[in-house]
Amino acid sequence: NADKSEFKADKKEAKQDAKKANKKADKSAFKANKSEVKADKKEAKQEAKKADKKDKADKSDLKADKKAAKADKKEAKQEAKKADKKDNDGNDDNSADKDAK
Protein backbone atom coordinates (compact mmCIF):
# COMPACT_ATOMS: atom_id res chain seq x y z
CA ASN A 1 0.00 0.00 0.00
CA ALA A 2 2.81 2.34 0.87
CA ASP A 3 4.38 1.60 -2.48
CA LYS A 4 1.09 2.33 -4.15
CA SER A 5 0.76 5.80 -2.54
CA GLU A 6 4.42 6.53 -3.30
CA PHE A 7 3.81 5.54 -6.90
CA LYS A 8 0.76 7.84 -6.98
CA ALA A 9 2.83 10.69 -5.52
CA ASP A 10 5.55 10.12 -8.13
CA LYS A 11 2.91 10.00 -10.86
CA LYS A 12 1.36 13.24 -9.58
CA GLU A 13 4.79 14.90 -9.42
CA ALA A 14 5.61 13.72 -12.94
CA LYS A 15 2.30 15.17 -14.18
CA GLN A 16 3.06 18.51 -12.51
CA ASP A 17 6.56 18.54 -14.00
CA ALA A 18 5.08 17.80 -17.39
CA LYS A 19 2.56 20.63 -16.93
CA LYS A 20 5.37 23.03 -15.95
CA ALA A 21 7.43 21.97 -18.93
CA ASN A 22 4.44 22.47 -21.22
CA LYS A 23 3.77 25.89 -19.72
CA LYS A 24 7.41 26.84 -20.24
CA ALA A 25 7.28 25.60 -23.81
CA ASP A 26 4.05 27.51 -24.43
CA LYS A 27 5.57 30.64 -22.93
CA SER A 28 8.65 30.28 -25.13
CA ALA A 29 6.50 29.71 -28.21
CA PHE A 30 4.40 32.73 -27.27
CA LYS A 31 7.51 34.88 -26.81
CA ALA A 32 8.91 33.68 -30.13
CA ASN A 33 5.59 34.42 -31.82
CA LYS A 34 5.48 37.85 -30.19
CA SER A 35 8.99 38.60 -31.50
CA GLU A 36 7.99 37.42 -34.96
CA VAL A 37 4.92 39.65 -34.89
CA LYS A 38 7.09 42.59 -33.80
CA ALA A 39 9.51 41.90 -36.65
CA ASP A 40 6.65 41.65 -39.14
CA LYS A 41 5.19 44.89 -37.81
CA LYS A 42 8.58 46.62 -38.12
CA GLU A 43 9.00 45.30 -41.66
CA ALA A 44 5.50 46.46 -42.59
CA LYS A 45 6.28 49.93 -41.21
CA GLN A 46 9.48 50.07 -43.25
CA GLU A 47 7.64 48.98 -46.39
CA ALA A 48 5.00 51.65 -45.73
CA LYS A 49 7.73 54.27 -45.29
CA LYS A 50 9.39 53.18 -48.54
CA ALA A 51 6.05 53.35 -50.36
CA ASP A 52 5.36 56.77 -48.84
CA LYS A 53 8.78 58.07 -49.91
CA LYS A 54 8.24 56.70 -53.42
CA ASP A 55 4.79 58.30 -53.52
CA LYS A 56 6.23 61.63 -52.38
CA ALA A 57 8.98 61.39 -54.98
CA ASP A 58 6.41 60.57 -57.66
CA LYS A 59 4.31 63.55 -56.54
CA SER A 60 7.39 65.79 -56.68
CA ASP A 61 8.15 64.55 -60.19
CA LEU A 62 4.56 65.20 -61.17
CA LYS A 63 4.73 68.73 -59.74
CA ALA A 64 7.97 69.37 -61.60
CA ASP A 65 6.43 68.07 -64.82
CA LYS A 66 3.38 70.30 -64.32
CA LYS A 67 5.62 73.34 -63.73
CA ALA A 68 7.65 72.54 -66.84
CA ALA A 69 4.46 72.14 -68.88
CA LYS A 70 3.16 75.45 -67.53
CA ALA A 71 6.43 77.17 -68.45
CA ASP A 72 6.31 75.63 -71.93
CA LYS A 73 2.71 76.78 -72.34
CA LYS A 74 3.62 80.30 -71.21
CA GLU A 75 6.58 80.37 -73.58
CA ALA A 76 4.41 79.15 -76.45
CA LYS A 77 1.85 81.89 -75.71
CA GLN A 78 4.59 84.53 -75.72
CA GLU A 79 5.94 83.19 -79.02
CA ALA A 80 2.43 83.28 -80.47
CA LYS A 81 1.98 86.87 -79.26
CA LYS A 82 5.29 87.87 -80.84
CA ALA A 83 4.33 86.21 -84.11
CA ASP A 84 0.90 87.87 -83.97
CA LYS A 85 2.44 91.26 -83.32
CA LYS A 86 4.93 90.79 -86.14
CA ASP A 87 2.10 89.71 -88.42
CA ASN A 88 0.01 92.73 -87.42
CA ASP A 89 2.94 95.08 -87.87
CA GLY A 90 3.47 93.56 -91.30
CA ASN A 91 -0.19 94.17 -92.15
CA ASP A 92 0.06 97.76 -91.04
CA ASP A 93 3.04 98.23 -93.37
CA ASN A 94 1.03 96.75 -96.22
CA SER A 95 -1.89 99.04 -95.62
CA ALA A 96 0.45 102.03 -95.47
CA ASP A 97 1.89 100.91 -98.82
CA LYS A 98 -1.60 100.63 -100.27
CA ASP A 99 -2.47 104.11 -99.01
CA ALA A 100 0.71 105.45 -100.56
CA LYS A 101 -0.26 103.96 -103.91
PDB file of N, CA and C in Angstrom:
ATOM      1  N   ASN A   1       0.821  -1.207   0.000  1.00  0.00           N
ATOM      2  CA  ASN A   1       0.000   0.000   0.000  1.00  0.00           C
ATOM      3  C   ASN A   1       0.856   1.258   0.000  1.00  0.00           C
ATOM      4  N   ALA A   2       1.909   1.194   0.810  1.00  0.00           N
ATOM      5  CA  ALA A   2       2.809   2.340   0.873  1.00  0.00           C
ATOM      6  C   ALA A   2       3.460   2.567  -0.478  1.00  0.00           C
ATOM      7  N   ASP A   3       3.786   1.499  -1.149  1.00  0.00           N
ATOM      8  CA  ASP A   3       4.378   1.599  -2.482  1.00  0.00           C
ATOM      9  C   ASP A   3       3.398   2.227  -3.458  1.00  0.00           C
ATOM     10  N   LYS A   4       2.134   1.825  -3.277  1.00  0.00           N
ATOM     11  CA  LYS A   4       1.091   2.330  -4.153  1.00  0.00           C
ATOM     12  C   LYS A   4       0.952   3.851  -4.014  1.00  0.00           C
ATOM     13  N   SER A   5       0.921   4.350  -2.773  1.00  0.00           N
ATOM     14  CA  SER A   5       0.760   5.796  -2.538  1.00  0.00           C
ATOM     15  C   SER A   5       2.020   6.548  -2.988  1.00  0.00           C
ATOM     16  N   GLU A   6       3.178   5.900  -2.830  1.00  0.00           N
ATOM     17  CA  GLU A   6       4.424   6.526  -3.297  1.00  0.00           C
ATOM     18  C   GLU A   6       4.423   6.626  -4.818  1.00  0.00           C
ATOM     19  N   PHE A   7       3.916   5.560  -5.440  1.00  0.00           N
ATOM     20  CA  PHE A   7       3.813   5.538  -6.900  1.00  0.00           C
ATOM     21  C   PHE A   7       2.865   6.636  -7.372  1.00  0.00           C
ATOM     22  N   LYS A   8       1.727   6.794  -6.650  1.00  0.00           N
ATOM     23  CA  LYS A   8       0.756   7.841  -6.975  1.00  0.00           C
ATOM     24  C   LYS A   8       1.393   9.214  -6.833  1.00  0.00           C
ATOM     25  N   ALA A   9       2.171   9.408  -5.766  1.00  0.00           N
ATOM     26  CA  ALA A   9       2.831  10.692  -5.520  1.00  0.00           C
ATOM     27  C   ALA A   9       3.830  10.982  -6.637  1.00  0.00           C
ATOM     28  N   ASP A  10       4.582   9.957  -7.031  1.00  0.00           N
ATOM     29  CA  ASP A  10       5.547  10.117  -8.132  1.00  0.00           C
ATOM     30  C   ASP A  10       4.833  10.466  -9.428  1.00  0.00           C
ATOM     31  N   LYS A  11       3.705   9.777  -9.648  1.00  0.00           N
ATOM     32  CA  LYS A  11       2.915  10.000 -10.858  1.00  0.00           C
ATOM     33  C   LYS A  11       2.394  11.451 -10.882  1.00  0.00           C
ATOM     34  N   LYS A  12       1.903  11.885  -9.711  1.00  0.00           N
ATOM     35  CA  LYS A  12       1.364  13.245  -9.583  1.00  0.00           C
ATOM     36  C   LYS A  12       2.474  14.267  -9.851  1.00  0.00           C
ATOM     37  N   GLU A  13       3.636  14.013  -9.265  1.00  0.00           N
ATOM     38  CA  GLU A  13       4.793  14.902  -9.424  1.00  0.00           C
ATOM     39  C   GLU A  13       5.225  14.953 -10.902  1.00  0.00           C
ATOM     40  N   ALA A  14       5.223  13.805 -11.527  1.00  0.00           N
ATOM     41  CA  ALA A  14       5.611  13.720 -12.938  1.00  0.00           C
ATOM     42  C   ALA A  14       4.634  14.517 -13.798  1.00  0.00           C
ATOM     43  N   LYS A  15       3.329  14.413 -13.453  1.00  0.00           N
ATOM     44  CA  LYS A  15       2.300  15.166 -14.176  1.00  0.00           C
ATOM     45  C   LYS A  15       2.530  16.671 -14.025  1.00  0.00           C
ATOM     46  N   GLN A  16       2.817  17.084 -12.774  1.00  0.00           N
ATOM     47  CA  GLN A  16       3.058  18.507 -12.508  1.00  0.00           C
ATOM     48  C   GLN A  16       4.286  19.000 -13.274  1.00  0.00           C
ATOM     49  N   ASP A  17       5.341  18.189 -13.266  1.00  0.00           N
ATOM     50  CA  ASP A  17       6.564  18.544 -14.002  1.00  0.00           C
ATOM     51  C   ASP A  17       6.269  18.691 -15.493  1.00  0.00           C
ATOM     52  N   ALA A  18       5.454  17.757 -15.973  1.00  0.00           N
ATOM     53  CA  ALA A  18       5.085  17.802 -17.395  1.00  0.00           C
ATOM     54  C   ALA A  18       4.296  19.077 -17.692  1.00  0.00           C
ATOM     55  N   LYS A  19       3.361  19.395 -16.772  1.00  0.00           N
ATOM     56  CA  LYS A  19       2.563  20.629 -16.928  1.00  0.00           C
ATOM     57  C   LYS A  19       3.471  21.854 -16.957  1.00  0.00           C
ATOM     58  N   LYS A  20       4.423  21.905 -16.025  1.00  0.00           N
ATOM     59  CA  LYS A  20       5.369  23.029 -15.946  1.00  0.00           C
ATOM     60  C   LYS A  20       6.167  23.139 -17.240  1.00  0.00           C
ATOM     61  N   ALA A  21       6.637  21.992 -17.700  1.00  0.00           N
ATOM     62  CA  ALA A  21       7.431  21.971 -18.930  1.00  0.00           C
ATOM     63  C   ALA A  21       6.594  22.467 -20.113  1.00  0.00           C
ATOM     64  N   ASN A  22       5.341  22.026 -20.148  1.00  0.00           N
ATOM     65  CA  ASN A  22       4.445  22.474 -21.218  1.00  0.00           C
ATOM     66  C   ASN A  22       4.198  23.977 -21.150  1.00  0.00           C
ATOM     67  N   LYS A  23       3.986  24.456 -19.912  1.00  0.00           N
ATOM     68  CA  LYS A  23       3.765  25.894 -19.719  1.00  0.00           C
ATOM     69  C   LYS A  23       4.973  26.687 -20.214  1.00  0.00           C
ATOM     70  N   LYS A  24       6.164  26.188 -19.835  1.00  0.00           N
ATOM     71  CA  LYS A  24       7.410  26.839 -20.239  1.00  0.00           C
ATOM     72  C   LYS A  24       7.525  26.863 -21.760  1.00  0.00           C
ATOM     73  N   ALA A  25       7.210  25.716 -22.348  1.00  0.00           N
ATOM     74  CA  ALA A  25       7.281  25.600 -23.814  1.00  0.00           C
ATOM     75  C   ALA A  25       6.278  26.552 -24.463  1.00  0.00           C
ATOM     76  N   ASP A  26       5.075  26.609 -23.906  1.00  0.00           N
ATOM     77  CA  ASP A  26       4.050  27.511 -24.432  1.00  0.00           C
ATOM     78  C   ASP A  26       4.496  28.963 -24.325  1.00  0.00           C
ATOM     79  N   LYS A  27       5.089  29.273 -23.155  1.00  0.00           N
ATOM     80  CA  LYS A  27       5.575  30.640 -22.928  1.00  0.00           C
ATOM     81  C   LYS A  27       6.654  30.990 -23.949  1.00  0.00           C
ATOM     82  N   SER A  28       7.571  30.047 -24.167  1.00  0.00           N
ATOM     83  CA  SER A  28       8.650  30.279 -25.135  1.00  0.00           C
ATOM     84  C   SER A  28       8.084  30.468 -26.538  1.00  0.00           C
ATOM     85  N   ALA A  29       7.132  29.616 -26.889  1.00  0.00           N
ATOM     86  CA  ALA A  29       6.500  29.713 -28.211  1.00  0.00           C
ATOM     87  C   ALA A  29       5.784  31.047 -28.346  1.00  0.00           C
ATOM     88  N   PHE A  30       5.113  31.452 -27.269  1.00  0.00           N
ATOM     89  CA  PHE A  30       4.396  32.726 -27.273  1.00  0.00           C
ATOM     90  C   PHE A  30       5.370  33.892 -27.460  1.00  0.00           C
ATOM     91  N   LYS A  31       6.489  33.823 -26.699  1.00  0.00           N
ATOM     92  CA  LYS A  31       7.509  34.877 -26.812  1.00  0.00           C
ATOM     93  C   LYS A  31       8.078  34.927 -28.226  1.00  0.00           C
ATOM     94  N   ALA A  32       8.357  33.746 -28.776  1.00  0.00           N
ATOM     95  CA  ALA A  32       8.911  33.679 -30.132  1.00  0.00           C
ATOM     96  C   ALA A  32       7.915  34.258 -31.128  1.00  0.00           C
ATOM     97  N   ASN A  33       6.654  33.916 -30.939  1.00  0.00           N
ATOM     98  CA  ASN A  33       5.595  34.415 -31.817  1.00  0.00           C
ATOM     99  C   ASN A  33       5.476  35.930 -31.703  1.00  0.00           C
ATOM    100  N   LYS A  34       5.565  36.411 -30.462  1.00  0.00           N
ATOM    101  CA  LYS A  34       5.483  37.848 -30.195  1.00  0.00           C
ATOM    102  C   LYS A  34       6.625  38.572 -30.914  1.00  0.00           C
ATOM    103  N   SER A  35       7.828  38.004 -30.830  1.00  0.00           N
ATOM    104  CA  SER A  35       8.989  38.595 -31.497  1.00  0.00           C
ATOM    105  C   SER A  35       8.788  38.610 -33.003  1.00  0.00           C
ATOM    106  N   GLU A  36       8.244  37.521 -33.520  1.00  0.00           N
ATOM    107  CA  GLU A  36       7.988  37.421 -34.956  1.00  0.00           C
ATOM    108  C   GLU A  36       6.976  38.482 -35.389  1.00  0.00           C
ATOM    109  N   VAL A  37       5.947  38.654 -34.588  1.00  0.00           N
ATOM    110  CA  VAL A  37       4.920  39.652 -34.888  1.00  0.00           C
ATOM    111  C   VAL A  37       5.544  41.042 -34.881  1.00  0.00           C
ATOM    112  N   LYS A  38       6.403  41.290 -33.876  1.00  0.00           N
ATOM    113  CA  LYS A  38       7.092  42.585 -33.796  1.00  0.00           C
ATOM    114  C   LYS A  38       7.925  42.818 -35.045  1.00  0.00           C
ATOM    115  N   ALA A  39       8.659  41.796 -35.459  1.00  0.00           N
ATOM    116  CA  ALA A  39       9.515  41.897 -36.648  1.00  0.00           C
ATOM    117  C   ALA A  39       8.664  42.169 -37.890  1.00  0.00           C
ATOM    118  N   ASP A  40       7.556  41.457 -37.995  1.00  0.00           N
ATOM    119  CA  ASP A  40       6.654  41.653 -39.139  1.00  0.00           C
ATOM    120  C   ASP A  40       6.092  43.076 -39.145  1.00  0.00           C
ATOM    121  N   LYS A  41       5.742  43.541 -37.953  1.00  0.00           N
ATOM    122  CA  LYS A  41       5.191  44.888 -37.810  1.00  0.00           C
ATOM    123  C   LYS A  41       6.231  45.926 -38.251  1.00  0.00           C
ATOM    124  N   LYS A  42       7.476  45.709 -37.791  1.00  0.00           N
ATOM    125  CA  LYS A  42       8.579  46.616 -38.125  1.00  0.00           C
ATOM    126  C   LYS A  42       8.800  46.632 -39.642  1.00  0.00           C
ATOM    127  N   GLU A  43       8.802  45.425 -40.215  1.00  0.00           N
ATOM    128  CA  GLU A  43       9.003  45.296 -41.663  1.00  0.00           C
ATOM    129  C   GLU A  43       7.876  45.996 -42.426  1.00  0.00           C
ATOM    130  N   ALA A  44       6.653  45.823 -41.949  1.00  0.00           N
ATOM    131  CA  ALA A  44       5.500  46.458 -42.591  1.00  0.00           C
ATOM    132  C   ALA A  44       5.620  47.981 -42.519  1.00  0.00           C
ATOM    133  N   LYS A  45       6.088  48.481 -41.368  1.00  0.00           N
ATOM    134  CA  LYS A  45       6.276  49.927 -41.211  1.00  0.00           C
ATOM    135  C   LYS A  45       7.322  50.436 -42.196  1.00  0.00           C
ATOM    136  N   GLN A  46       8.421  49.676 -42.330  1.00  0.00           N
ATOM    137  CA  GLN A  46       9.479  50.073 -43.248  1.00  0.00           C
ATOM    138  C   GLN A  46       8.981  50.067 -44.682  1.00  0.00           C
ATOM    139  N   GLU A  47       8.207  49.066 -45.031  1.00  0.00           N
ATOM    140  CA  GLU A  47       7.638  48.985 -46.387  1.00  0.00           C
ATOM    141  C   GLU A  47       6.716  50.181 -46.631  1.00  0.00           C
ATOM    142  N   ALA A  48       5.923  50.514 -45.607  1.00  0.00           N
ATOM    143  CA  ALA A  48       5.004  51.651 -45.730  1.00  0.00           C
ATOM    144  C   ALA A  48       5.790  52.950 -45.916  1.00  0.00           C
ATOM    145  N   LYS A  49       6.884  53.076 -45.158  1.00  0.00           N
ATOM    146  CA  LYS A  49       7.733  54.267 -45.287  1.00  0.00           C
ATOM    147  C   LYS A  49       8.311  54.365 -46.692  1.00  0.00           C
ATOM    148  N   LYS A  50       8.816  53.217 -47.193  1.00  0.00           N
ATOM    149  CA  LYS A  50       9.387  53.184 -48.544  1.00  0.00           C
ATOM    150  C   LYS A  50       8.337  53.606 -49.568  1.00  0.00           C
ATOM    151  N   ALA A  51       7.144  53.041 -49.433  1.00  0.00           N
ATOM    152  CA  ALA A  51       6.054  53.349 -50.363  1.00  0.00           C
ATOM    153  C   ALA A  51       5.694  54.830 -50.282  1.00  0.00           C
ATOM    154  N   ASP A  52       5.690  55.359 -49.057  1.00  0.00           N
ATOM    155  CA  ASP A  52       5.362  56.770 -48.841  1.00  0.00           C
ATOM    156  C   ASP A  52       6.414  57.659 -49.495  1.00  0.00           C
ATOM    157  N   LYS A  53       7.692  57.296 -49.299  1.00  0.00           N
ATOM    158  CA  LYS A  53       8.779  58.066 -49.910  1.00  0.00           C
ATOM    159  C   LYS A  53       8.662  58.047 -51.425  1.00  0.00           C
ATOM    160  N   LYS A  54       8.367  56.858 -51.968  1.00  0.00           N
ATOM    161  CA  LYS A  54       8.236  56.703 -53.418  1.00  0.00           C
ATOM    162  C   LYS A  54       7.067  57.560 -53.909  1.00  0.00           C
ATOM    163  N   ASP A  55       5.977  57.520 -53.166  1.00  0.00           N
ATOM    164  CA  ASP A  55       4.791  58.295 -53.521  1.00  0.00           C
ATOM    165  C   ASP A  55       5.111  59.784 -53.516  1.00  0.00           C
ATOM    166  N   LYS A  56       5.846  60.217 -52.466  1.00  0.00           N
ATOM    167  CA  LYS A  56       6.225  61.630 -52.377  1.00  0.00           C
ATOM    168  C   LYS A  56       7.131  62.020 -53.540  1.00  0.00           C
ATOM    169  N   ALA A  57       8.063  61.128 -53.868  1.00  0.00           N
ATOM    170  CA  ALA A  57       8.978  61.392 -54.981  1.00  0.00           C
ATOM    171  C   ALA A  57       8.194  61.477 -56.290  1.00  0.00           C
ATOM    172  N   ASP A  58       7.242  60.558 -56.454  1.00  0.00           N
ATOM    173  CA  ASP A  58       6.409  60.573 -57.656  1.00  0.00           C
ATOM    174  C   ASP A  58       5.602  61.865 -57.732  1.00  0.00           C
ATOM    175  N   LYS A  59       5.086  62.301 -56.583  1.00  0.00           N
ATOM    176  CA  LYS A  59       4.314  63.552 -56.541  1.00  0.00           C
ATOM    177  C   LYS A  59       5.208  64.732 -56.907  1.00  0.00           C
ATOM    178  N   SER A  60       6.447  64.713 -56.379  1.00  0.00           N
ATOM    179  CA  SER A  60       7.389  65.794 -56.685  1.00  0.00           C
ATOM    180  C   SER A  60       7.683  65.823 -58.183  1.00  0.00           C
ATOM    181  N   ASP A  61       7.899  64.636 -58.748  1.00  0.00           N
ATOM    182  CA  ASP A  61       8.146  64.546 -60.192  1.00  0.00           C
ATOM    183  C   ASP A  61       6.962  65.099 -60.967  1.00  0.00           C
ATOM    184  N   LEU A  62       5.777  64.743 -60.507  1.00  0.00           N
ATOM    185  CA  LEU A  62       4.561  65.204 -61.170  1.00  0.00           C
ATOM    186  C   LEU A  62       4.467  66.725 -61.098  1.00  0.00           C
ATOM    187  N   LYS A  63       4.755  67.274 -59.907  1.00  0.00           N
ATOM    188  CA  LYS A  63       4.726  68.734 -59.743  1.00  0.00           C
ATOM    189  C   LYS A  63       5.728  69.398 -60.678  1.00  0.00           C
ATOM    190  N   ALA A  64       6.928  68.824 -60.742  1.00  0.00           N
ATOM    191  CA  ALA A  64       7.973  69.375 -61.601  1.00  0.00           C
ATOM    192  C   ALA A  64       7.521  69.320 -63.063  1.00  0.00           C
ATOM    193  N   ASP A  65       6.927  68.206 -63.454  1.00  0.00           N
ATOM    194  CA  ASP A  65       6.427  68.068 -64.824  1.00  0.00           C
ATOM    195  C   ASP A  65       5.346  69.106 -65.120  1.00  0.00           C
ATOM    196  N   LYS A  66       4.454  69.311 -64.144  1.00  0.00           N
ATOM    197  CA  LYS A  66       3.383  70.302 -64.318  1.00  0.00           C
ATOM    198  C   LYS A  66       3.971  71.697 -64.492  1.00  0.00           C
ATOM    199  N   LYS A  67       4.984  72.018 -63.649  1.00  0.00           N
ATOM    200  CA  LYS A  67       5.622  73.336 -63.730  1.00  0.00           C
ATOM    201  C   LYS A  67       6.287  73.520 -65.092  1.00  0.00           C
ATOM    202  N   ALA A  68       6.968  72.481 -65.540  1.00  0.00           N
ATOM    203  CA  ALA A  68       7.647  72.540 -66.841  1.00  0.00           C
ATOM    204  C   ALA A  68       6.622  72.731 -67.953  1.00  0.00           C
ATOM    205  N   ALA A  69       5.514  72.023 -67.866  1.00  0.00           N
ATOM    206  CA  ALA A  69       4.457  72.142 -68.876  1.00  0.00           C
ATOM    207  C   ALA A  69       3.874  73.545 -68.866  1.00  0.00           C
ATOM    208  N   LYS A  70       3.692  74.087 -67.655  1.00  0.00           N
ATOM    209  CA  LYS A  70       3.161  75.455 -67.533  1.00  0.00           C
ATOM    210  C   LYS A  70       4.114  76.450 -68.182  1.00  0.00           C
ATOM    211  N   ALA A  71       5.411  76.273 -67.891  1.00  0.00           N
ATOM    212  CA  ALA A  71       6.427  77.168 -68.449  1.00  0.00           C
ATOM    213  C   ALA A  71       6.439  77.064 -69.973  1.00  0.00           C
ATOM    214  N   ASP A  72       6.353  75.835 -70.477  1.00  0.00           N
ATOM    215  CA  ASP A  72       6.315  75.627 -71.928  1.00  0.00           C
ATOM    216  C   ASP A  72       5.096  76.306 -72.536  1.00  0.00           C
ATOM    217  N   LYS A  73       3.962  76.180 -71.864  1.00  0.00           N
ATOM    218  CA  LYS A  73       2.715  76.781 -72.342  1.00  0.00           C
ATOM    219  C   LYS A  73       2.847  78.304 -72.386  1.00  0.00           C
ATOM    220  N   LYS A  74       3.433  78.853 -71.307  1.00  0.00           N
ATOM    221  CA  LYS A  74       3.620  80.304 -71.208  1.00  0.00           C
ATOM    222  C   LYS A  74       4.542  80.780 -72.340  1.00  0.00           C
ATOM    223  N   GLU A  75       5.626  80.039 -72.538  1.00  0.00           N
ATOM    224  CA  GLU A  75       6.584  80.375 -73.580  1.00  0.00           C
ATOM    225  C   GLU A  75       5.915  80.322 -74.954  1.00  0.00           C
ATOM    226  N   ALA A  76       5.120  79.310 -75.171  1.00  0.00           N
ATOM    227  CA  ALA A  76       4.411  79.155 -76.450  1.00  0.00           C
ATOM    228  C   ALA A  76       3.461  80.327 -76.673  1.00  0.00           C
ATOM    229  N   LYS A  77       2.770  80.742 -75.607  1.00  0.00           N
ATOM    230  CA  LYS A  77       1.851  81.891 -75.707  1.00  0.00           C
ATOM    231  C   LYS A  77       2.612  83.149 -76.097  1.00  0.00           C
ATOM    232  N   GLN A  78       3.785  83.336 -75.427  1.00  0.00           N
ATOM    233  CA  GLN A  78       4.590  84.528 -75.722  1.00  0.00           C
ATOM    234  C   GLN A  78       5.067  84.504 -77.165  1.00  0.00           C
ATOM    235  N   GLU A  79       5.496  83.336 -77.623  1.00  0.00           N
ATOM    236  CA  GLU A  79       5.941  83.193 -79.017  1.00  0.00           C
ATOM    237  C   GLU A  79       4.796  83.516 -79.969  1.00  0.00           C
ATOM    238  N   ALA A  80       3.607  83.032 -79.626  1.00  0.00           N
ATOM    239  CA  ALA A  80       2.429  83.285 -80.465  1.00  0.00           C
ATOM    240  C   ALA A  80       2.115  84.778 -80.496  1.00  0.00           C
ATOM    241  N   LYS A  81       2.230  85.421 -79.334  1.00  0.00           N
ATOM    242  CA  LYS A  81       1.982  86.873 -79.262  1.00  0.00           C
ATOM    243  C   LYS A  81       2.960  87.625 -80.143  1.00  0.00           C
ATOM    244  N   LYS A  82       4.242  87.231 -80.032  1.00  0.00           N
ATOM    245  CA  LYS A  82       5.287  87.875 -80.839  1.00  0.00           C
ATOM    246  C   LYS A  82       4.981  87.712 -82.323  1.00  0.00           C
ATOM    247  N   ALA A  83       4.629  86.491 -82.698  1.00  0.00           N
ATOM    248  CA  ALA A  83       4.325  86.208 -84.105  1.00  0.00           C
ATOM    249  C   ALA A  83       3.115  87.014 -84.554  1.00  0.00           C
ATOM    250  N   ASP A  84       2.107  87.097 -83.681  1.00  0.00           N
ATOM    251  CA  ASP A  84       0.902  87.874 -83.972  1.00  0.00           C
ATOM    252  C   ASP A  84       1.237  89.337 -84.178  1.00  0.00           C
ATOM    253  N   LYS A  85       2.052  89.845 -83.266  1.00  0.00           N
ATOM    254  CA  LYS A  85       2.438  91.256 -83.316  1.00  0.00           C
ATOM    255  C   LYS A  85       3.207  91.532 -84.609  1.00  0.00           C
ATOM    256  N   LYS A  86       4.130  90.640 -84.925  1.00  0.00           N
ATOM    257  CA  LYS A  86       4.934  90.786 -86.140  1.00  0.00           C
ATOM    258  C   LYS A  86       4.018  90.770 -87.368  1.00  0.00           C
ATOM    259  N   ASP A  87       3.058  89.852 -87.328  1.00  0.00           N
ATOM    260  CA  ASP A  87       2.103  89.714 -88.422  1.00  0.00           C
ATOM    261  C   ASP A  87       1.268  90.986 -88.547  1.00  0.00           C
ATOM    262  N   ASN A  88       0.816  91.509 -87.415  1.00  0.00           N
ATOM    263  CA  ASN A  88       0.006  92.734 -87.416  1.00  0.00           C
ATOM    264  C   ASN A  88       0.821  93.927 -87.897  1.00  0.00           C
ATOM    265  N   ASP A  89       2.063  93.987 -87.423  1.00  0.00           N
ATOM    266  CA  ASP A  89       2.944  95.079 -87.869  1.00  0.00           C
ATOM    267  C   ASP A  89       3.137  95.000 -89.383  1.00  0.00           C
ATOM    268  N   GLY A  90       3.295  93.791 -89.862  1.00  0.00           N
ATOM    269  CA  GLY A  90       3.466  93.556 -91.304  1.00  0.00           C
ATOM    270  C   GLY A  90       2.233  94.015 -92.062  1.00  0.00           C
ATOM    271  N   ASN A  91       1.068  93.755 -91.507  1.00  0.00           N
ATOM    272  CA  ASN A  91      -0.187  94.165 -92.151  1.00  0.00           C
ATOM    273  C   ASN A  91      -0.305  95.676 -92.182  1.00  0.00           C
ATOM    274  N   ASP A  92       0.116  96.297 -91.097  1.00  0.00           N
ATOM    275  CA  ASP A  92       0.061  97.760 -91.043  1.00  0.00           C
ATOM    276  C   ASP A  92       0.938  98.358 -92.132  1.00  0.00           C
ATOM    277  N   ASP A  93       2.127  97.753 -92.325  1.00  0.00           N
ATOM    278  CA  ASP A  93       3.035  98.235 -93.373  1.00  0.00           C
ATOM    279  C   ASP A  93       2.370  98.099 -94.739  1.00  0.00           C
ATOM    280  N   ASN A  94       1.698  96.984 -94.924  1.00  0.00           N
ATOM    281  CA  ASN A  94       1.031  96.747 -96.216  1.00  0.00           C
ATOM    282  C   ASN A  94      -0.049  97.785 -96.465  1.00  0.00           C
ATOM    283  N   SER A  95      -0.807  98.081 -95.424  1.00  0.00           N
ATOM    284  CA  SER A  95      -1.893  99.043 -95.616  1.00  0.00           C
ATOM    285  C   SER A  95      -1.313 100.439 -95.846  1.00  0.00           C
ATOM    286  N   ALA A  96      -0.176 100.720 -95.243  1.00  0.00           N
ATOM    287  CA  ALA A  96       0.453 102.034 -95.468  1.00  0.00           C
ATOM    288  C   ALA A  96       0.927 102.093 -96.910  1.00  0.00           C
ATOM    289  N   ASP A  97       1.445 100.964 -97.420  1.00  0.00           N
ATOM    290  CA  ASP A  97       1.891 100.907 -98.819  1.00  0.00           C
ATOM    291  C   ASP A  97       0.704 101.131 -99.754  1.00  0.00           C
ATOM    292  N   LYS A  98      -0.402 100.508 -99.424  1.00  0.00           N
ATOM    293  CA  LYS A  98      -1.595 100.631-100.269  1.00  0.00           C
ATOM    294  C   LYS A  98      -2.061 102.075-100.275  1.00  0.00           C
ATOM    295  N   ASP A  99      -2.032 102.699 -99.090  1.00  0.00           N
ATOM    296  CA  ASP A  99      -2.474 104.112 -99.013  1.00  0.00           C
ATOM    297  C   ASP A  99      -1.559 104.998 -99.833  1.00  0.00           C
ATOM    298  N   ALA A 100      -0.277 104.647 -99.828  1.00  0.00           N
ATOM    299  CA  ALA A 100       0.711 105.452-100.556  1.00  0.00           C
ATOM    300  C   ALA A 100       0.465 105.320-102.057  1.00  0.00           C
ATOM    301  N   LYS A 101      -0.020 104.171-102.483  1.00  0.00           N
ATOM    302  CA  LYS A 101      -0.263 103.956-103.909  1.00  0.00           C
ATOM    303  C   LYS A 101      -1.493 104.676-104.271  1.00  0.00           C
TER     304      LYS A 101
END
